[in-house]
PDB file of N, CA and C in Angstrom:
ATOM      1  N   MET A   1     -21.362  -2.726  -6.133  1.00  0.00           N
ATOM      2  CA  MET A   1     -22.115  -1.540  -5.371  1.00  0.00           C
ATOM      3  C   MET A   1     -22.499  -0.492  -6.789  1.00  0.00           C
ATOM      4  N   HIS A   2     -21.338   0.165  -7.017  1.00  0.00           N
ATOM      5  CA  HIS A   2     -21.068   0.988  -8.139  1.00  0.00           C
ATOM      6  C   HIS A   2     -22.450   0.727  -9.178  1.00  0.00           C
ATOM      7  N   ASN A   3     -22.404  -0.464  -9.684  1.00  0.00           N
ATOM      8  CA  ASN A   3     -23.022  -1.001 -10.833  1.00  0.00           C
ATOM      9  C   ASN A   3     -24.296  -0.988 -10.297  1.00  0.00           C
ATOM     10  N   PHE A   4     -25.022  -1.597  -9.294  1.00  0.00           N
ATOM     11  CA  PHE A   4     -26.389  -1.449  -8.744  1.00  0.00           C
ATOM     12  C   PHE A   4     -26.864  -0.023  -8.573  1.00  0.00           C
ATOM     13  N   ILE A   5     -26.082   0.821  -8.336  1.00  0.00           N
ATOM     14  CA  ILE A   5     -26.490   2.161  -8.175  1.00  0.00           C
ATOM     15  C   ILE A   5     -26.775   2.847  -9.577  1.00  0.00           C
ATOM     16  N   ARG A   6     -25.817   2.646 -10.435  1.00  0.00           N
ATOM     17  CA  ARG A   6     -26.088   2.944 -11.776  1.00  0.00           C
ATOM     18  C   ARG A   6     -27.157   2.012 -12.700  1.00  0.00           C
ATOM     19  N   ASP A   7     -27.511   1.067 -12.541  1.00  0.00           N
ATOM     20  CA  ASP A   7     -28.560   0.504 -12.897  1.00  0.00           C
ATOM     21  C   ASP A   7     -30.099   0.974 -12.065  1.00  0.00           C
ATOM     22  N   HIS A   8     -30.292   1.507 -10.998  1.00  0.00           N
ATOM     23  CA  HIS A   8     -31.106   1.562 -10.359  1.00  0.00           C
ATOM     24  C   HIS A   8     -31.644   2.863  -9.719  1.00  0.00           C
ATOM     25  N   ASN A   9     -30.387   3.841 -10.162  1.00  0.00           N
ATOM     26  CA  ASN A   9     -30.652   5.359  -9.923  1.00  0.00           C
ATOM     27  C   ASN A   9     -30.667   6.171 -11.154  1.00  0.00           C
ATOM     28  N   VAL A  10     -32.262   6.240 -11.475  1.00  0.00           N
ATOM     29  CA  VAL A  10     -32.491   7.131 -12.849  1.00  0.00           C
ATOM     30  C   VAL A  10     -31.967   8.331 -12.718  1.00  0.00           C
ATOM     31  N   ASN A  11     -31.576   8.900 -11.637  1.00  0.00           N
ATOM     32  CA  ASN A  11     -30.764  10.064 -11.350  1.00  0.00           C
ATOM     33  C   ASN A  11     -29.190  10.730 -11.596  1.00  0.00           C
ATOM     34  N   GLU A  12     -28.840   9.214 -11.875  1.00  0.00           N
ATOM     35  CA  GLU A  12     -27.159   8.994 -11.595  1.00  0.00           C
ATOM     36  C   GLU A  12     -26.518  10.002 -12.622  1.00  0.00           C
ATOM     37  N   LYS A  13     -25.879  10.979 -12.514  1.00  0.00           N
ATOM     38  CA  LYS A  13     -25.213  12.018 -13.176  1.00  0.00           C
ATOM     39  C   LYS A  13     -23.722  11.464 -13.484  1.00  0.00           C
ATOM     40  N   PHE A  14     -22.990  10.730 -12.965  1.00  0.00           N
ATOM     41  CA  PHE A  14     -21.890  10.577 -13.520  1.00  0.00           C
ATOM     42  C   PHE A  14     -21.566   9.474 -14.546  1.00  0.00           C
ATOM     43  N   ASP A  15     -20.594   9.862 -15.610  1.00  0.00           N
ATOM     44  CA  ASP A  15     -20.151   9.215 -16.647  1.00  0.00           C
ATOM     45  C   ASP A  15     -18.666   8.966 -16.676  1.00  0.00           C
ATOM     46  N   PHE A  16     -18.281   7.836 -16.399  1.00  0.00           N
ATOM     47  CA  PHE A  16     -17.047   7.719 -16.323  1.00  0.00           C
ATOM     48  C   PHE A  16     -16.208   7.446 -17.535  1.00  0.00           C
ATOM     49  N   GLU A  17     -16.961   7.343 -18.598  1.00  0.00           N
ATOM     50  CA  GLU A  17     -16.419   6.646 -19.994  1.00  0.00           C
ATOM     51  C   GLU A  17     -15.210   7.907 -20.283  1.00  0.00           C
ATOM     52  N   ASP A  18     -15.373   9.094 -19.832  1.00  0.00           N
ATOM     53  CA  ASP A  18     -14.510  10.000 -20.578  1.00  0.00           C
ATOM     54  C   ASP A  18     -13.070  10.384 -19.529  1.00  0.00           C
ATOM     55  N   LEU A  19     -13.193   9.415 -18.364  1.00  0.00           N
ATOM     56  CA  LEU A  19     -11.979   9.210 -17.673  1.00  0.00           C
ATOM     57  C   LEU A  19     -10.678   8.635 -18.660  1.00  0.00           C
ATOM     58  N   VAL A  20      -9.717   9.045 -18.652  1.00  0.00           N
ATOM     59  CA  VAL A  20      -8.697   8.319 -19.170  1.00  0.00           C
ATOM     60  C   VAL A  20      -7.247   8.143 -18.507  1.00  0.00           C
ATOM     61  N   ASP A  21      -6.965   6.816 -18.131  1.00  0.00           N
ATOM     62  CA  ASP A  21      -5.823   6.865 -17.337  1.00  0.00           C
ATOM     63  C   ASP A  21      -4.484   7.460 -17.901  1.00  0.00           C
ATOM     64  N   THR A  22      -3.893   8.474 -17.518  1.00  0.00           N
ATOM     65  CA  THR A  22      -2.883   9.005 -18.065  1.00  0.00           C
ATOM     66  C   THR A  22      -1.349   8.341 -17.731  1.00  0.00           C
ATOM     67  N   GLN A  23      -1.245   7.271 -17.319  1.00  0.00           N
ATOM     68  CA  GLN A  23      -0.178   6.364 -16.781  1.00  0.00           C
ATOM     69  C   GLN A  23      -0.645   4.739 -16.746  1.00  0.00           C
ATOM     70  N   PRO A  24      -1.316   4.471 -17.828  1.00  0.00           N
ATOM     71  CA  PRO A  24      -1.925   3.152 -17.919  1.00  0.00           C
ATOM     72  C   PRO A  24      -0.730   1.940 -17.562  1.00  0.00           C
ATOM     73  N   GLY A  25      -0.802   1.076 -16.726  1.00  0.00           N
ATOM     74  CA  GLY A  25       0.025   0.175 -16.172  1.00  0.00           C
ATOM     75  C   GLY A  25       0.809   0.451 -14.822  1.00  0.00           C
ATOM     76  N   ASN A  26       0.635   1.855 -14.447  1.00  0.00           N
ATOM     77  CA  ASN A  26       1.190   2.314 -13.282  1.00  0.00           C
ATOM     78  C   ASN A  26       0.018   2.052 -11.980  1.00  0.00           C
ATOM     79  N   TYR A  27       0.329   1.210 -11.283  1.00  0.00           N
ATOM     80  CA  TYR A  27      -0.571   0.631 -10.447  1.00  0.00           C
ATOM     81  C   TYR A  27      -0.043   1.273  -8.990  1.00  0.00           C
ATOM     82  N   GLY A  28       0.769   1.644  -8.773  1.00  0.00           N
ATOM     83  CA  GLY A  28       1.447   2.193  -7.443  1.00  0.00           C
ATOM     84  C   GLY A  28       1.981   1.047  -6.683  1.00  0.00           C
ATOM     85  N   ILE A  29       2.471   1.749  -5.356  1.00  0.00           N
ATOM     86  CA  ILE A  29       2.890   0.509  -4.518  1.00  0.00           C
ATOM     87  C   ILE A  29       2.325  -1.072  -4.284  1.00  0.00           C
ATOM     88  N   LEU A  30       1.203  -0.766  -4.041  1.00  0.00           N
ATOM     89  CA  LEU A  30       0.505  -1.631  -3.812  1.00  0.00           C
ATOM     90  C   LEU A  30       0.602  -2.967  -5.084  1.00  0.00           C
ATOM     91  N   GLY A  31       0.527  -2.442  -6.111  1.00  0.00           N
ATOM     92  CA  GLY A  31       0.557  -3.301  -7.353  1.00  0.00           C
ATOM     93  C   GLY A  31       1.823  -4.106  -7.063  1.00  0.00           C
ATOM     94  N   ASN A  32       3.003  -3.656  -6.737  1.00  0.00           N
ATOM     95  CA  ASN A  32       4.170  -4.367  -6.779  1.00  0.00           C
ATOM     96  C   ASN A  32       4.487  -5.331  -5.689  1.00  0.00           C
ATOM     97  N   GLY A  33       3.240  -5.695  -4.780  1.00  0.00           N
ATOM     98  CA  GLY A  33       3.698  -6.788  -3.645  1.00  0.00           C
ATOM     99  C   GLY A  33       2.375  -6.380  -2.963  1.00  0.00           C
ATOM    100  N   PRO A  34       2.518  -7.661  -1.934  1.00  0.00           N
ATOM    101  CA  PRO A  34       1.325  -7.550  -0.935  1.00  0.00           C
ATOM    102  C   PRO A  34       1.437  -6.283   0.052  1.00  0.00           C
ATOM    103  N   ALA A  35       0.283  -6.073   0.336  1.00  0.00           N
ATOM    104  CA  ALA A  35       0.050  -4.803   1.305  1.00  0.00           C
ATOM    105  C   ALA A  35       0.640  -4.943   2.503  1.00  0.00           C
ATOM    106  N   TRP A  36       1.111  -4.002   3.137  1.00  0.00           N
ATOM    107  CA  TRP A  36       1.345  -3.943   4.434  1.00  0.00           C
ATOM    108  C   TRP A  36       0.530  -4.016   5.663  1.00  0.00           C
ATOM    109  N   GLN A  37       0.487  -4.091   6.643  1.00  0.00           N
ATOM    110  CA  GLN A  37      -0.030  -5.041   7.669  1.00  0.00           C
ATOM    111  C   GLN A  37      -1.195  -3.645   8.047  1.00  0.00           C
ATOM    112  N   ALA A  38      -0.297  -2.750   8.064  1.00  0.00           N
ATOM    113  CA  ALA A  38      -1.255  -1.093   8.530  1.00  0.00           C
ATOM    114  C   ALA A  38      -2.303  -0.868   7.334  1.00  0.00           C
ATOM    115  N   GLU A  39      -1.703  -1.141   5.984  1.00  0.00           N
ATOM    116  CA  GLU A  39      -2.804  -1.078   5.078  1.00  0.00           C
ATOM    117  C   GLU A  39      -4.343  -1.952   5.367  1.00  0.00           C
ATOM    118  N   VAL A  40      -3.696  -3.189   5.534  1.00  0.00           N
ATOM    119  CA  VAL A  40      -4.994  -4.188   5.719  1.00  0.00           C
ATOM    120  C   VAL A  40      -5.676  -4.003   6.962  1.00  0.00           C
ATOM    121  N   LEU A  41      -4.905  -3.469   8.059  1.00  0.00           N
ATOM    122  CA  LEU A  41      -5.759  -3.282   9.181  1.00  0.00           C
ATOM    123  C   LEU A  41      -6.781  -1.702   8.587  1.00  0.00           C
ATOM    124  N   CYS A  42      -6.075  -0.838   8.173  1.00  0.00           N
ATOM    125  CA  CYS A  42      -6.932   0.549   7.616  1.00  0.00           C
ATOM    126  C   CYS A  42      -7.906  -0.057   6.706  1.00  0.00           C
ATOM    127  N   ALA A  43      -7.786  -0.724   5.410  1.00  0.00           N
ATOM    128  CA  ALA A  43      -8.849  -1.248   4.969  1.00  0.00           C
ATOM    129  C   ALA A  43      -9.906  -2.079   5.517  1.00  0.00           C
ATOM    130  N   THR A  44      -9.676  -3.047   6.529  1.00  0.00           N
ATOM    131  CA  THR A  44     -10.432  -3.806   7.254  1.00  0.00           C
ATOM    132  C   THR A  44     -11.408  -2.893   8.359  1.00  0.00           C
ATOM    133  N   SER A  45     -10.906  -2.008   8.798  1.00  0.00           N
ATOM    134  CA  SER A  45     -11.520  -0.931   9.644  1.00  0.00           C
ATOM    135  C   SER A  45     -12.325  -0.191   8.478  1.00  0.00           C
ATOM    136  N   LYS A  46     -12.343   0.460   7.433  1.00  0.00           N
ATOM    137  CA  LYS A  46     -12.932   1.228   6.788  1.00  0.00           C
ATOM    138  C   LYS A  46     -14.477   0.214   6.341  1.00  0.00           C
ATOM    139  N   ARG A  47     -13.887  -1.239   5.878  1.00  0.00           N
ATOM    140  CA  ARG A  47     -15.048  -2.078   5.541  1.00  0.00           C
ATOM    141  C   ARG A  47     -15.772  -2.181   6.299  1.00  0.00           C
ATOM    142  N   ASP A  48     -15.653  -2.482   7.523  1.00  0.00           N
ATOM    143  CA  ASP A  48     -16.371  -2.772   8.721  1.00  0.00           C
ATOM    144  C   ASP A  48     -17.223  -1.669   9.207  1.00  0.00           C
ATOM    145  N   GLN A  49     -16.544  -0.333   8.919  1.00  0.00           N
ATOM    146  CA  GLN A  49     -17.603   0.769   9.341  1.00  0.00           C
ATOM    147  C   GLN A  49     -18.567   0.868   8.215  1.00  0.00           C
ATOM    148  N   ILE A  50     -18.353   0.811   6.787  1.00  0.00           N
ATOM    149  CA  ILE A  50     -19.181   0.687   5.884  1.00  0.00           C
ATOM    150  C   ILE A  50     -20.532  -0.144   6.077  1.00  0.00           C
ATOM    151  N   ALA A  51     -19.881  -1.216   6.433  1.00  0.00           N
ATOM    152  CA  ALA A  51     -20.645  -2.461   6.554  1.00  0.00           C
ATOM    153  C   ALA A  51     -21.512  -2.077   7.805  1.00  0.00           C
ATOM    154  N   SER A  52     -20.982  -1.601   9.003  1.00  0.00           N
ATOM    155  CA  SER A  52     -21.829  -1.454  10.235  1.00  0.00           C
ATOM    156  C   SER A  52     -22.971  -0.170   9.841  1.00  0.00           C
ATOM    157  N   ALA A  53     -22.752   0.833   9.009  1.00  0.00           N
ATOM    158  CA  ALA A  53     -23.576   1.984   8.525  1.00  0.00           C
ATOM    159  C   ALA A  53     -24.679   1.407   7.643  1.00  0.00           C
ATOM    160  N   MET A  54     -23.902   0.588   6.918  1.00  0.00           N
ATOM    161  CA  MET A  54     -25.044  -0.026   5.649  1.00  0.00           C
ATOM    162  C   MET A  54     -26.164  -0.993   6.873  1.00  0.00           C
ATOM    163  N   TRP A  55     -25.777  -1.568   7.779  1.00  0.00           N
ATOM    164  CA  TRP A  55     -26.737  -2.482   8.611  1.00  0.00           C
ATOM    165  C   TRP A  55     -27.636  -1.747   9.493  1.00  0.00           C
ATOM    166  N   ARG A  56     -26.917  -0.801   9.933  1.00  0.00           N
ATOM    167  CA  ARG A  56     -27.615   0.622  10.638  1.00  0.00           C
ATOM    168  C   ARG A  56     -28.860   1.075  10.110  1.00  0.00           C
ATOM    169  N   SER A  57     -28.458   1.480   8.787  1.00  0.00           N
ATOM    170  CA  SER A  57     -29.577   2.039   8.171  1.00  0.00           C
ATOM    171  C   SER A  57     -30.436   1.180   7.507  1.00  0.00           C
ATOM    172  N   TYR A  58     -30.233   0.273   7.022  1.00  0.00           N
ATOM    173  CA  TYR A  58     -30.962  -0.993   6.746  1.00  0.00           C
ATOM    174  C   TYR A  58     -32.125  -1.250   7.862  1.00  0.00           C
ATOM    175  N   GLN A  59     -31.812  -1.409   8.930  1.00  0.00           N
ATOM    176  CA  GLN A  59     -32.403  -1.713  10.443  1.00  0.00           C
ATOM    177  C   GLN A  59     -33.413  -0.290  10.557  1.00  0.00           C
ATOM    178  N   ALA A  60     -32.855   0.900  10.289  1.00  0.00           N
ATOM    179  CA  ALA A  60     -33.813   1.734  10.539  1.00  0.00           C
ATOM    180  C   ALA A  60     -34.778   1.895   9.599  1.00  0.00           C
ATOM    181  N   LEU A  61     -34.219   1.621   8.450  1.00  0.00           N
ATOM    182  CA  LEU A  61     -35.387   1.590   7.221  1.00  0.00           C
ATOM    183  C   LEU A  61     -36.679   0.532   7.339  1.00  0.00           C
ATOM    184  N   THR A  62     -35.883  -0.714   7.754  1.00  0.00           N
ATOM    185  CA  THR A  62     -37.093  -1.845   8.023  1.00  0.00           C
ATOM    186  C   THR A  62     -38.018  -1.651   9.206  1.00  0.00           C
ATOM    187  N   GLN A  63     -37.313  -1.006  10.116  1.00  0.00           N
ATOM    188  CA  GLN A  63     -38.360  -1.252  11.295  1.00  0.00           C
ATOM    189  C   GLN A  63     -39.169   0.288  11.441  1.00  0.00           C
ATOM    190  N   GLY A  64     -38.926   1.150  10.474  1.00  0.00           N
ATOM    191  CA  GLY A  64     -39.310   2.519  10.092  1.00  0.00           C
ATOM    192  C   GLY A  64     -40.731   2.068   8.973  1.00  0.00           C
ATOM    193  N   ILE A  65     -40.788   1.018   8.415  1.00  0.00           N
ATOM    194  CA  ILE A  65     -41.801   0.471   7.355  1.00  0.00           C
ATOM    195  C   ILE A  65     -42.225  -0.725   7.755  1.00  0.00           C
ATOM    196  N   GLY A  66     -42.098  -1.392   9.144  1.00  0.00           N
ATOM    197  CA  GLY A  66     -42.592  -2.456   9.575  1.00  0.00           C
ATOM    198  C   GLY A  66     -42.132  -3.435   8.666  1.00  0.00           C
ATOM    199  N   LEU A  67     -41.101  -3.902   8.395  1.00  0.00           N
ATOM    200  CA  LEU A  67     -40.863  -5.095   7.690  1.00  0.00           C
ATOM    201  C   LEU A  67     -40.202  -6.334   8.460  1.00  0.00           C
ATOM    202  N   GLU A  68     -39.877  -5.596   9.671  1.00  0.00           N
ATOM    203  CA  GLU A  68     -38.943  -6.569  10.515  1.00  0.00           C
ATOM    204  C   GLU A  68     -39.800  -7.528  11.215  1.00  0.00           C
TER     205      GLU A  68
END
């Protein structure tokens, strides 16, 4: 998604090349093993919310311009 926005949004103002990882190799707790069940459920829920919002937005767009 990020790459698509950067490629197709001429007004993109974000330039991430100046960001430096101050602790390279430090990936946090999830980097040391599998995710906890609560984390998986939270991530799944968030993913589903994003997908649903994108679908509703797409449906509204296509209905508004007669593409359906």
